[in-house]
Amino acid sequence: MVAFAYLVKWLRHPDAVHAERAHPVKMNFVPTISIGILLLGVAWQPVVPAFASGVWVVGAALHLALTLITMSAWIHHTHFEVQHLNPAWFIPVVGNIIVPLGGVHFAPLELSWFFFSIGLVFWIVLLAVVMYRLFFHAPLALRLTPTLFILLAPPSVGFVAYTGLTGGLDAFARVLYYTALFLALLLASNALRFYRLPFFVSAWAYSFPLAALTTATLRMAELSGLDFFVWLGSGLLGVTSVVIALLAVRTVRAAVAGELIAGE
């Protein structure tokens, strides 16, 4: 639905789409379309594997193309500044880590390692740059503050993808998971700051990272056999479900009030 709506926008208002693709913040959200397609391929794999495979191929090819376009824009930019940096910059390149979730079922293993390597290496690069921006420059704008939760996604999805590629739990898998767990604790210690924020549509940035951490924890419970992770995963599933329900209610309320889509 989102991809179709955006295609209509592209046909009717090409100048607006071009401006978004050149915007230092908005450009990083365009690849969420290909990420959504990839996740649909993963979800449908147990039910309709042949169809899911085609969906996954479309998502993987589109995401690789968007990664190349975005990184080319970063390299050859003329107007980006350090204040433009925020965790949403992870989306284009780190989204490649999602490809192996379905790739282990649909394609040769080396192709999944290719995408995993892209996401992992550039996650580390961007993590250093984003942390520098957060530590030494002005705080994020209020409407971008929820994007801090995106920090959870790379190590969480990376853990699920890596254990799928290797088939088990090893030292590096533990490093990925416990990095995600620490970031979750860091964000939880600032829960009141997030609670006091006005509602913006960017608050949906809470949803996918929390779901990714929940999935990683349940996977950790499966691989480790420890009851602690079963309880933790169950708790996170409850929290994630409540957060998504609240986001849906707040979104509908903001739409009815005409506040959902506001100018900057």
C-alpha atoms as a PDB file:
ATOM      1  CA  MET A   1       0.000   0.000   0.000  1.00  0.00           C
ATOM      2  CA  VAL A   2       2.752   2.416   0.897  1.00  0.00           C
ATOM      3  CA  ALA A   3       4.748   1.563  -2.231  1.00  0.00           C
ATOM      4  CA  PHE A   4       1.673   2.080  -4.421  1.00  0.00           C
ATOM      5  CA  ALA A   5       0.851   5.402  -2.757  1.00  0.00           C
ATOM      6  CA  TYR A   6       4.429   6.552  -3.178  1.00  0.00           C
ATOM      7  CA  LEU A   7       4.394   5.519  -6.845  1.00  0.00           C
ATOM      8  CA  VAL A   8       1.284   7.675  -7.387  1.00  0.00           C
ATOM      9  CA  LYS A   9       3.041  10.545  -5.643  1.00  0.00           C
ATOM     10  CA  TRP A  10       6.083  10.017  -7.868  1.00  0.00           C
ATOM     11  CA  LEU A  11       3.905  10.220 -11.000  1.00  0.00           C
ATOM     12  CA  ARG A  12       1.867  13.231  -9.876  1.00  0.00           C
ATOM     13  CA  HIS A  13       4.494  15.193  -7.931  1.00  0.00           C
ATOM     14  CA  PRO A  14       7.943  14.170  -9.216  1.00  0.00           C
ATOM     15  CA  ASP A  15       9.552  17.365  -7.901  1.00  0.00           C
ATOM     16  CA  ALA A  16       8.469  16.547  -4.346  1.00  0.00           C
ATOM     17  CA  VAL A  17       9.869  13.019  -4.616  1.00  0.00           C
ATOM     18  CA  HIS A  18      13.151  14.341  -6.001  1.00  0.00           C
ATOM     19  CA  ALA A  19      13.368  16.806  -3.087  1.00  0.00           C
ATOM     20  CA  GLU A  20      12.824  13.967  -0.604  1.00  0.00           C
ATOM     21  CA  ARG A  21      15.524  11.840  -2.243  1.00  0.00           C
ATOM     22  CA  ALA A  22      17.949  14.760  -1.839  1.00  0.00           C
ATOM     23  CA  HIS A  23      16.861  15.580   1.732  1.00  0.00           C
ATOM     24  CA  PRO A  24      19.551  14.561   4.277  1.00  0.00           C
ATOM     25  CA  VAL A  25      16.962  12.985   6.607  1.00  0.00           C
ATOM     26  CA  LYS A  26      13.988  11.937   4.464  1.00  0.00           C
ATOM     27  CA  MET A  27      16.117  10.152   1.865  1.00  0.00           C
ATOM     28  CA  ASN A  28      16.982   7.477   4.410  1.00  0.00           C
ATOM     29  CA  PHE A  29      13.353   6.426   4.865  1.00  0.00           C
ATOM     30  CA  VAL A  30      12.750   5.517   1.210  1.00  0.00           C
ATOM     31  CA  PRO A  31      14.437   2.074   1.625  1.00  0.00           C
ATOM     32  CA  THR A  32      11.849   1.147   4.269  1.00  0.00           C
ATOM     33  CA  ILE A  33       9.705   0.160   1.260  1.00  0.00           C
ATOM     34  CA  SER A  34      12.201  -2.506   0.163  1.00  0.00           C
ATOM     35  CA  ILE A  35      12.670  -3.583   3.792  1.00  0.00           C
ATOM     36  CA  GLY A  36       8.907  -4.074   4.066  1.00  0.00           C
ATOM     37  CA  ILE A  37       8.942  -6.215   0.925  1.00  0.00           C
ATOM     38  CA  LEU A  38      11.783  -8.337   2.328  1.00  0.00           C
ATOM     39  CA  LEU A  39       9.921  -8.878   5.598  1.00  0.00           C
ATOM     40  CA  LEU A  40       6.806  -9.975   3.709  1.00  0.00           C
ATOM     41  CA  GLY A  41       8.942 -12.541   1.886  1.00  0.00           C
ATOM     42  CA  VAL A  42      10.213 -13.862   5.216  1.00  0.00           C
ATOM     43  CA  ALA A  43       6.711 -13.989   6.719  1.00  0.00           C
ATOM     44  CA  TRP A  44       5.192 -15.812   3.740  1.00  0.00           C
ATOM     45  CA  GLN A  45       8.033 -18.344   3.326  1.00  0.00           C
ATOM     46  CA  PRO A  46       6.468 -21.098   5.481  1.00  0.00           C
ATOM     47  CA  VAL A  47       3.059 -20.724   3.798  1.00  0.00           C
ATOM     48  CA  VAL A  48       3.646 -19.959   0.107  1.00  0.00           C
ATOM     49  CA  PRO A  49       7.390 -20.462  -0.458  1.00  0.00           C
ATOM     50  CA  ALA A  50       7.355 -20.062  -4.247  1.00  0.00           C
ATOM     51  CA  PHE A  51       5.517 -16.738  -4.105  1.00  0.00           C
ATOM     52  CA  ALA A  52       7.573 -15.606  -1.102  1.00  0.00           C
ATOM     53  CA  SER A  53      10.749 -16.314  -3.068  1.00  0.00           C
ATOM     54  CA  GLY A  54       9.665 -13.932  -5.828  1.00  0.00           C
ATOM     55  CA  VAL A  55       8.766 -11.269  -3.272  1.00  0.00           C
ATOM     56  CA  TRP A  56      12.162 -11.689  -1.601  1.00  0.00           C
ATOM     57  CA  VAL A  57      14.017 -11.348  -4.931  1.00  0.00           C
ATOM     58  CA  VAL A  58      12.190  -8.087  -5.675  1.00  0.00           C
ATOM     59  CA  GLY A  59      12.942  -6.772  -2.176  1.00  0.00           C
ATOM     60  CA  ALA A  60      16.627  -7.761  -2.255  1.00  0.00           C
ATOM     61  CA  ALA A  61      17.254  -6.272  -5.694  1.00  0.00           C
ATOM     62  CA  LEU A  62      15.403  -3.067  -4.840  1.00  0.00           C
ATOM     63  CA  HIS A  63      17.221  -2.672  -1.539  1.00  0.00           C
ATOM     64  CA  LEU A  64      20.630  -3.174  -3.130  1.00  0.00           C
ATOM     65  CA  ALA A  65      19.762  -0.506  -5.714  1.00  0.00           C
ATOM     66  CA  LEU A  66      18.575   1.916  -3.004  1.00  0.00           C
ATOM     67  CA  THR A  67      21.728   1.241  -0.979  1.00  0.00           C
ATOM     68  CA  LEU A  68      23.928   2.123  -3.953  1.00  0.00           C
ATOM     69  CA  ILE A  69      21.890   5.258  -4.730  1.00  0.00           C
ATOM     70  CA  THR A  70      21.944   6.444  -1.106  1.00  0.00           C
ATOM     71  CA  MET A  71      25.636   5.805  -0.523  1.00  0.00           C
ATOM     72  CA  SER A  72      26.495   7.522  -3.796  1.00  0.00           C
ATOM     73  CA  ALA A  73      24.529  10.545  -2.601  1.00  0.00           C
ATOM     74  CA  TRP A  74      26.428  10.502   0.703  1.00  0.00           C
ATOM     75  CA  ILE A  75      29.798  10.359  -1.055  1.00  0.00           C
ATOM     76  CA  HIS A  76      29.085  13.038  -3.647  1.00  0.00           C
ATOM     77  CA  HIS A  77      26.967  15.339  -1.484  1.00  0.00           C
ATOM     78  CA  THR A  78      27.216  19.123  -1.504  1.00  0.00           C
ATOM     79  CA  HIS A  79      24.931  20.057   1.383  1.00  0.00           C
ATOM     80  CA  PHE A  80      25.150  17.482   4.207  1.00  0.00           C
ATOM     81  CA  GLU A  81      26.311  18.606   7.642  1.00  0.00           C
ATOM     82  CA  VAL A  82      26.970  16.724  10.867  1.00  0.00           C
ATOM     83  CA  GLN A  83      23.693  18.056  12.324  1.00  0.00           C
ATOM     84  CA  HIS A  84      21.827  16.091   9.661  1.00  0.00           C
ATOM     85  CA  LEU A  85      23.123  12.799  11.072  1.00  0.00           C
ATOM     86  CA  ASN A  86      20.667  10.701  13.065  1.00  0.00           C
ATOM     87  CA  PRO A  87      20.051   6.962  13.565  1.00  0.00           C
ATOM     88  CA  ALA A  88      17.755   6.876  10.508  1.00  0.00           C
ATOM     89  CA  TRP A  89      20.954   6.894   8.440  1.00  0.00           C
ATOM     90  CA  PHE A  90      21.308   3.228   9.425  1.00  0.00           C
ATOM     91  CA  ILE A  91      18.213   2.246   7.423  1.00  0.00           C
ATOM     92  CA  PRO A  92      19.619   2.123   3.847  1.00  0.00           C
ATOM     93  CA  VAL A  93      22.811   0.183   4.488  1.00  0.00           C
ATOM     94  CA  VAL A  94      22.012  -1.814   7.613  1.00  0.00           C
ATOM     95  CA  GLY A  95      18.764  -2.938   5.980  1.00  0.00           C
ATOM     96  CA  ASN A  96      20.976  -5.329   4.019  1.00  0.00           C
ATOM     97  CA  ILE A  97      21.234  -7.473   7.172  1.00  0.00           C
ATOM     98  CA  ILE A  98      17.542  -8.309   6.722  1.00  0.00           C
ATOM     99  CA  VAL A  99      18.175  -9.962   3.342  1.00  0.00           C
ATOM    100  CA  PRO A 100      19.696 -13.184   4.812  1.00  0.00           C
ATOM    101  CA  LEU A 101      16.566 -13.798   6.925  1.00  0.00           C
ATOM    102  CA  GLY A 102      14.897 -15.028   3.749  1.00  0.00           C
ATOM    103  CA  GLY A 103      18.037 -15.571   1.722  1.00  0.00           C
ATOM    104  CA  VAL A 104      18.955 -18.748   3.604  1.00  0.00           C
ATOM    105  CA  HIS A 105      15.753 -20.278   2.188  1.00  0.00           C
ATOM    106  CA  PHE A 106      15.629 -18.722  -1.271  1.00  0.00           C
ATOM    107  CA  ALA A 107      19.165 -18.294  -2.624  1.00  0.00           C
ATOM    108  CA  PRO A 108      22.738 -19.636  -2.474  1.00  0.00           C
ATOM    109  CA  LEU A 109      24.308 -19.026   0.935  1.00  0.00           C
ATOM    110  CA  GLU A 110      27.070 -16.821  -0.494  1.00  0.00           C
ATOM    111  CA  LEU A 111      24.503 -14.245  -1.602  1.00  0.00           C
ATOM    112  CA  SER A 112      23.220 -13.944   1.959  1.00  0.00           C
ATOM    113  CA  TRP A 113      26.773 -13.527   3.239  1.00  0.00           C
ATOM    114  CA  PHE A 114      27.264 -10.759   0.662  1.00  0.00           C
ATOM    115  CA  PHE A 115      24.329  -8.753   1.987  1.00  0.00           C
ATOM    116  CA  PHE A 116      25.166  -9.538   5.619  1.00  0.00           C
ATOM    117  CA  SER A 117      28.714  -8.262   5.153  1.00  0.00           C
ATOM    118  CA  ILE A 118      27.491  -4.962   3.680  1.00  0.00           C
ATOM    119  CA  GLY A 119      25.125  -4.353   6.573  1.00  0.00           C
ATOM    120  CA  LEU A 120      27.527  -5.389   9.314  1.00  0.00           C
ATOM    121  CA  VAL A 121      30.572  -3.399   8.163  1.00  0.00           C
ATOM    122  CA  PHE A 122      28.688  -0.196   7.457  1.00  0.00           C
ATOM    123  CA  TRP A 123      26.715  -0.544  10.696  1.00  0.00           C
ATOM    124  CA  ILE A 124      30.028  -0.303  12.567  1.00  0.00           C
ATOM    125  CA  VAL A 125      31.140   2.669  10.450  1.00  0.00           C
ATOM    126  CA  LEU A 126      27.859   4.548  10.875  1.00  0.00           C
ATOM    127  CA  LEU A 127      27.616   3.676  14.573  1.00  0.00           C
ATOM    128  CA  ALA A 128      30.887   5.506  15.225  1.00  0.00           C
ATOM    129  CA  VAL A 129      29.786   8.541  13.205  1.00  0.00           C
ATOM    130  CA  VAL A 130      26.302   8.720  14.734  1.00  0.00           C
ATOM    131  CA  MET A 131      27.673   8.363  18.273  1.00  0.00           C
ATOM    132  CA  TYR A 132      30.123  11.189  17.572  1.00  0.00           C
ATOM    133  CA  ARG A 133      27.201  13.356  16.461  1.00  0.00           C
ATOM    134  CA  LEU A 134      25.136  12.455  19.559  1.00  0.00           C
ATOM    135  CA  PHE A 135      28.011  12.955  21.997  1.00  0.00           C
ATOM    136  CA  PHE A 136      29.543  16.176  20.734  1.00  0.00           C
ATOM    137  CA  HIS A 137      26.817  18.144  18.936  1.00  0.00           C
ATOM    138  CA  ALA A 138      23.368  19.534  19.674  1.00  0.00           C
ATOM    139  CA  PRO A 139      20.646  17.049  20.699  1.00  0.00           C
ATOM    140  CA  LEU A 140      18.377  15.609  18.039  1.00  0.00           C
ATOM    141  CA  ALA A 141      15.283  17.580  17.089  1.00  0.00           C
ATOM    142  CA  LEU A 142      12.243  16.421  19.062  1.00  0.00           C
ATOM    143  CA  ARG A 143      10.585  14.806  16.056  1.00  0.00           C
ATOM    144  CA  LEU A 144      13.758  12.784  15.398  1.00  0.00           C
ATOM    145  CA  THR A 145      14.326  11.679  19.005  1.00  0.00           C
ATOM    146  CA  PRO A 146      12.309   8.427  18.557  1.00  0.00           C
ATOM    147  CA  THR A 147      14.792   7.374  15.871  1.00  0.00           C
ATOM    148  CA  LEU A 148      17.250   6.610  18.680  1.00  0.00           C
ATOM    149  CA  PHE A 149      15.431   3.270  18.941  1.00  0.00           C
ATOM    150  CA  ILE A 150      16.797   2.406  15.503  1.00  0.00           C
ATOM    151  CA  LEU A 151      20.096   1.764  17.318  1.00  0.00           C
ATOM    152  CA  LEU A 152      18.506  -1.492  18.531  1.00  0.00           C
ATOM    153  CA  ALA A 153      17.774  -2.859  15.081  1.00  0.00           C
ATOM    154  CA  PRO A 154      21.222  -3.625  13.561  1.00  0.00           C
ATOM    155  CA  PRO A 155      22.589  -5.864  16.343  1.00  0.00           C
ATOM    156  CA  SER A 156      19.177  -7.486  16.922  1.00  0.00           C
ATOM    157  CA  VAL A 157      18.513  -8.344  13.277  1.00  0.00           C
ATOM    158  CA  GLY A 158      22.211  -9.074  12.845  1.00  0.00           C
ATOM    159  CA  PHE A 159      22.014 -11.696  15.591  1.00  0.00           C
ATOM    160  CA  VAL A 160      19.010 -13.422  13.984  1.00  0.00           C
ATOM    161  CA  ALA A 161      20.600 -13.306  10.525  1.00  0.00           C
ATOM    162  CA  TYR A 162      24.021 -14.487  11.728  1.00  0.00           C
ATOM    163  CA  THR A 163      22.645 -17.439  13.691  1.00  0.00           C
ATOM    164  CA  GLY A 164      20.592 -18.358  10.634  1.00  0.00           C
ATOM    165  CA  LEU A 165      23.702 -18.299   8.466  1.00  0.00           C
ATOM    166  CA  THR A 166      25.882 -20.268  10.878  1.00  0.00           C
ATOM    167  CA  GLY A 167      23.205 -22.484  12.350  1.00  0.00           C
ATOM    168  CA  GLY A 168      24.150 -21.984  15.978  1.00  0.00           C
ATOM    169  CA  LEU A 169      25.243 -19.781  18.862  1.00  0.00           C
ATOM    170  CA  ASP A 170      28.886 -18.745  18.998  1.00  0.00           C
ATOM    171  CA  ALA A 171      30.983 -15.946  20.513  1.00  0.00           C
ATOM    172  CA  PHE A 172      30.259 -13.393  17.792  1.00  0.00           C
ATOM    173  CA  ALA A 173      26.523 -14.102  17.970  1.00  0.00           C
ATOM    174  CA  ARG A 174      26.653 -13.384  21.692  1.00  0.00           C
ATOM    175  CA  VAL A 175      28.468 -10.103  21.056  1.00  0.00           C
ATOM    176  CA  LEU A 176      25.689  -9.017  18.686  1.00  0.00           C
ATOM    177  CA  TYR A 177      22.884  -9.988  21.064  1.00  0.00           C
ATOM    178  CA  TYR A 178      24.392  -8.474  24.192  1.00  0.00           C
ATOM    179  CA  THR A 179      25.173  -5.250  22.327  1.00  0.00           C
ATOM    180  CA  ALA A 180      21.468  -5.035  21.479  1.00  0.00           C
ATOM    181  CA  LEU A 181      20.543  -5.832  25.075  1.00  0.00           C
ATOM    182  CA  PHE A 182      22.804  -3.084  26.430  1.00  0.00           C
ATOM    183  CA  LEU A 183      21.357  -0.531  23.998  1.00  0.00           C
ATOM    184  CA  ALA A 184      17.878  -1.578  25.156  1.00  0.00           C
ATOM    185  CA  LEU A 185      18.892  -0.929  28.766  1.00  0.00           C
ATOM    186  CA  LEU A 186      20.333   2.456  27.780  1.00  0.00           C
ATOM    187  CA  LEU A 187      17.095   3.454  26.059  1.00  0.00           C
ATOM    188  CA  ALA A 188      14.978   2.083  28.916  1.00  0.00           C
ATOM    189  CA  SER A 189      16.912   4.238  31.383  1.00  0.00           C
ATOM    190  CA  ASN A 190      15.701   7.253  29.374  1.00  0.00           C
ATOM    191  CA  ALA A 191      12.087   6.062  29.140  1.00  0.00           C
ATOM    192  CA  LEU A 192      10.677   9.210  30.759  1.00  0.00           C
ATOM    193  CA  ARG A 193      12.322  11.384  28.111  1.00  0.00           C
ATOM    194  CA  PHE A 194      10.581   9.424  25.369  1.00  0.00           C
ATOM    195  CA  TYR A 195       7.266   9.369  27.257  1.00  0.00           C
ATOM    196  CA  ARG A 196       7.218  13.169  27.516  1.00  0.00           C
ATOM    197  CA  LEU A 197       7.748  13.723  23.803  1.00  0.00           C
ATOM    198  CA  PRO A 198       4.843  15.067  21.745  1.00  0.00           C
ATOM    199  CA  PHE A 199       3.473  12.540  19.262  1.00  0.00           C
ATOM    200  CA  PHE A 200       5.060  12.574  15.825  1.00  0.00           C
ATOM    201  CA  VAL A 201       4.654  10.009  13.067  1.00  0.00           C
ATOM    202  CA  SER A 202       8.354   9.288  13.645  1.00  0.00           C
ATOM    203  CA  ALA A 203       7.279   7.586  16.890  1.00  0.00           C
ATOM    204  CA  TRP A 204       6.739   4.483  14.751  1.00  0.00           C
ATOM    205  CA  ALA A 205      10.527   4.172  14.973  1.00  0.00           C
ATOM    206  CA  TYR A 206       9.854   2.473  18.318  1.00  0.00           C
ATOM    207  CA  SER A 207       8.066  -0.448  16.675  1.00  0.00           C
ATOM    208  CA  PHE A 208      10.436  -2.291  14.348  1.00  0.00           C
ATOM    209  CA  PRO A 209      13.513  -2.136  16.642  1.00  0.00           C
ATOM    210  CA  LEU A 210      11.498  -3.429  19.609  1.00  0.00           C
ATOM    211  CA  ALA A 211      10.096  -6.225  17.450  1.00  0.00           C
ATOM    212  CA  ALA A 212      13.617  -7.048  16.250  1.00  0.00           C
ATOM    213  CA  LEU A 213      14.937  -7.217  19.830  1.00  0.00           C
ATOM    214  CA  THR A 214      11.983  -9.410  20.833  1.00  0.00           C
ATOM    215  CA  THR A 215      12.666 -11.794  17.943  1.00  0.00           C
ATOM    216  CA  ALA A 216      16.379 -11.885  18.793  1.00  0.00           C
ATOM    217  CA  THR A 217      15.612 -12.665  22.444  1.00  0.00           C
ATOM    218  CA  LEU A 218      13.245 -15.500  21.536  1.00  0.00           C
ATOM    219  CA  ARG A 219      15.911 -16.827  19.171  1.00  0.00           C
ATOM    220  CA  MET A 220      18.460 -16.572  22.011  1.00  0.00           C
ATOM    221  CA  ALA A 221      16.088 -18.556  24.231  1.00  0.00           C
ATOM    222  CA  GLU A 222      15.818 -21.232  21.552  1.00  0.00           C
ATOM    223  CA  LEU A 223      19.563 -21.524  21.002  1.00  0.00           C
ATOM    224  CA  SER A 224      20.750 -21.160  24.618  1.00  0.00           C
ATOM    225  CA  GLY A 225      18.019 -23.208  26.277  1.00  0.00           C
ATOM    226  CA  LEU A 226      17.978 -20.773  29.215  1.00  0.00           C
ATOM    227  CA  ASP A 227      14.663 -19.956  30.884  1.00  0.00           C
ATOM    228  CA  PHE A 228      15.803 -16.379  31.533  1.00  0.00           C
ATOM    229  CA  PHE A 229      15.575 -15.541  27.835  1.00  0.00           C
ATOM    230  CA  VAL A 230      12.164 -17.216  27.560  1.00  0.00           C
ATOM    231  CA  TRP A 231      10.826 -14.903  30.262  1.00  0.00           C
ATOM    232  CA  LEU A 232      12.648 -11.881  28.845  1.00  0.00           C
ATOM    233  CA  GLY A 233      11.375 -12.588  25.342  1.00  0.00           C
ATOM    234  CA  SER A 234       7.816 -12.999  26.615  1.00  0.00           C
ATOM    235  CA  GLY A 235       8.051  -9.698  28.475  1.00  0.00           C
ATOM    236  CA  LEU A 236       9.434  -7.919  25.437  1.00  0.00           C
ATOM    237  CA  LEU A 237       6.655  -9.384  23.295  1.00  0.00           C
ATOM    238  CA  GLY A 238       4.117  -7.887  25.680  1.00  0.00           C
ATOM    239  CA  VAL A 239       5.839  -4.500  25.721  1.00  0.00           C
ATOM    240  CA  THR A 240       6.190  -4.420  21.931  1.00  0.00           C
ATOM    241  CA  SER A 241       2.529  -5.340  21.444  1.00  0.00           C
ATOM    242  CA  VAL A 242       1.375  -2.586  23.799  1.00  0.00           C
ATOM    243  CA  VAL A 243       3.656  -0.014  22.153  1.00  0.00           C
ATOM    244  CA  ILE A 244       2.376  -0.857  18.656  1.00  0.00           C
ATOM    245  CA  ALA A 245      -1.242  -0.717  19.847  1.00  0.00           C
ATOM    246  CA  LEU A 246      -0.648   2.700  21.432  1.00  0.00           C
ATOM    247  CA  LEU A 247       1.094   3.957  18.298  1.00  0.00           C
ATOM    248  CA  ALA A 248      -1.879   2.860  16.195  1.00  0.00           C
ATOM    249  CA  VAL A 249      -4.331   4.658  18.506  1.00  0.00           C
ATOM    250  CA  ARG A 250      -2.225   7.844  18.611  1.00  0.00           C
ATOM    251  CA  THR A 251      -1.827   7.772  14.821  1.00  0.00           C
ATOM    252  CA  VAL A 252      -5.568   7.497  14.204  1.00  0.00           C
ATOM    253  CA  ARG A 253      -6.231  10.226  16.750  1.00  0.00           C
ATOM    254  CA  ALA A 254      -3.672  12.538  15.133  1.00  0.00           C
ATOM    255  CA  ALA A 255      -5.095  11.814  11.661  1.00  0.00           C
ATOM    256  CA  VAL A 256      -8.638  12.629  12.784  1.00  0.00           C
ATOM    257  CA  ALA A 257      -7.401  15.867  14.365  1.00  0.00           C
ATOM    258  CA  GLY A 258      -5.519  16.796  11.181  1.00  0.00           C
ATOM    259  CA  GLU A 259      -2.194  16.774  13.003  1.00  0.00           C
ATOM    260  CA  LEU A 260      -0.582  13.686  11.473  1.00  0.00           C
ATOM    261  CA  ILE A 261       0.943  15.360   8.426  1.00  0.00           C
ATOM    262  CA  ALA A 262       2.341  18.734   9.402  1.00  0.00           C
ATOM    263  CA  GLY A 263       4.838  20.988   7.669  1.00  0.00           C
ATOM    264  CA  GLU A 264       8.311  21.273   9.098  1.00  0.00           C
END
